[in-house]
Amino acid sequence: MPASGGTLLQMTATPTTVVFACPKCAAIYRATQYQVPDMRFGTFNCLACHTQVYAWNGLYDFVDWEVGFRAGDADMPVGKKS
């Protein structure tokens, strides 16, 4: 217990892979979601058509965005966002 008598909160930082689809062109993206101790906010826009894919505000952050493929275009390789 901390010297102040308060409770020590410990957050787990287990990453979760989340998949998103662009609402305009159907490009698929993967991101890693982490729980964080303070409020975070951000947005991610599609690399192909620049439409907002996801916006967040809260105790989670999204990092390591990777582009997948558009629906029906399974031959498009998966690679990291530059």
Protein backbone atom coordinates (compact mmCIF):
# COMPACT_ATOMS: atom_id res chain seq x y z
CA MET A 1 0.00 0.00 0.00
CA PRO A 2 1.39 3.49 -0.80
CA ALA A 3 2.62 5.67 2.09
CA SER A 4 -0.35 8.03 1.58
CA GLY A 5 -2.74 5.25 2.55
CA GLY A 6 -4.36 5.22 -0.91
CA THR A 7 -4.90 2.20 -3.10
CA LEU A 8 -2.33 1.34 -5.73
CA LEU A 9 -4.06 0.75 -9.07
CA GLN A 10 -2.32 -1.49 -11.55
CA MET A 11 -3.56 -1.62 -15.15
CA THR A 12 -2.90 -4.52 -17.42
CA ALA A 13 -1.39 -3.58 -20.75
CA THR A 14 -2.41 -6.64 -22.74
CA PRO A 15 -2.44 -5.64 -26.40
CA THR A 16 -5.44 -6.51 -28.55
CA THR A 17 -5.47 -6.61 -32.35
CA VAL A 18 -8.47 -4.78 -33.78
CA VAL A 19 -9.60 -4.82 -37.44
CA PHE A 20 -11.26 -1.80 -39.07
CA ALA A 21 -12.73 -1.25 -42.55
CA CYS A 22 -12.83 2.08 -44.35
CA PRO A 23 -16.48 3.09 -44.71
CA LYS A 24 -15.85 4.55 -48.18
CA CYS A 25 -13.48 2.23 -50.07
CA ALA A 26 -13.56 -0.89 -47.82
CA ALA A 27 -9.78 -0.96 -47.27
CA ILE A 28 -8.99 -3.13 -44.25
CA TYR A 29 -6.68 -2.00 -41.44
CA ARG A 30 -5.33 -3.64 -38.30
CA ALA A 31 -4.23 -1.76 -35.21
CA THR A 32 -2.99 -2.71 -31.76
CA GLN A 33 -5.15 -1.46 -28.90
CA TYR A 34 -3.66 -0.82 -25.44
CA GLN A 35 -5.36 0.22 -22.23
CA VAL A 36 -3.59 3.30 -20.87
CA PRO A 37 -3.69 5.06 -17.49
CA ASP A 38 -4.67 8.47 -18.88
CA MET A 39 -7.11 9.75 -21.50
CA ARG A 40 -5.95 9.47 -25.11
CA PHE A 41 -7.52 10.67 -28.32
CA GLY A 42 -6.74 10.32 -31.97
CA THR A 43 -7.99 9.58 -35.44
CA PHE A 44 -6.88 7.38 -38.30
CA ASN A 45 -7.64 8.19 -41.94
CA CYS A 46 -7.65 5.76 -44.85
CA LEU A 47 -4.41 5.82 -46.82
CA ALA A 48 -6.26 5.25 -50.11
CA CYS A 49 -9.19 7.70 -49.96
CA HIS A 50 -8.43 9.81 -46.84
CA THR A 51 -11.80 9.05 -45.20
CA GLN A 52 -11.76 8.82 -41.42
CA VAL A 53 -11.68 5.13 -40.48
CA TYR A 54 -11.73 5.49 -36.69
CA ALA A 55 -11.61 8.13 -33.95
CA TRP A 56 -11.04 7.39 -30.27
CA ASN A 57 -11.13 9.23 -26.96
CA GLY A 58 -10.71 7.40 -23.69
CA LEU A 59 -8.51 5.02 -21.75
CA TYR A 60 -7.35 3.14 -24.85
CA ASP A 61 -4.81 4.01 -27.51
CA PHE A 62 -4.39 2.52 -30.98
CA VAL A 63 -0.90 2.07 -32.46
CA ASP A 64 0.94 0.11 -35.16
CA TRP A 65 -1.70 0.60 -37.85
CA GLU A 66 -1.22 -1.82 -40.75
CA VAL A 67 -2.97 -1.72 -44.11
CA GLY A 68 -4.60 -4.92 -45.27
CA PHE A 69 -6.59 -5.07 -48.50
CA ARG A 70 -9.82 -3.89 -50.07
CA ALA A 71 -12.72 -6.32 -50.15
CA GLY A 72 -12.41 -8.43 -53.30
CA ASP A 73 -8.69 -7.62 -53.71
CA ALA A 74 -7.12 -10.49 -51.78
CA ASP A 75 -3.88 -10.27 -53.80
CA MET A 76 -2.97 -6.86 -52.32
CA PRO A 77 -0.11 -7.44 -49.86
CA VAL A 78 -0.31 -6.53 -46.20
CA GLY A 79 2.25 -3.95 -45.11
CA LYS A 80 2.92 -1.38 -42.43
CA LYS A 81 1.71 2.21 -42.77
CA SER A 82 4.62 4.43 -43.71
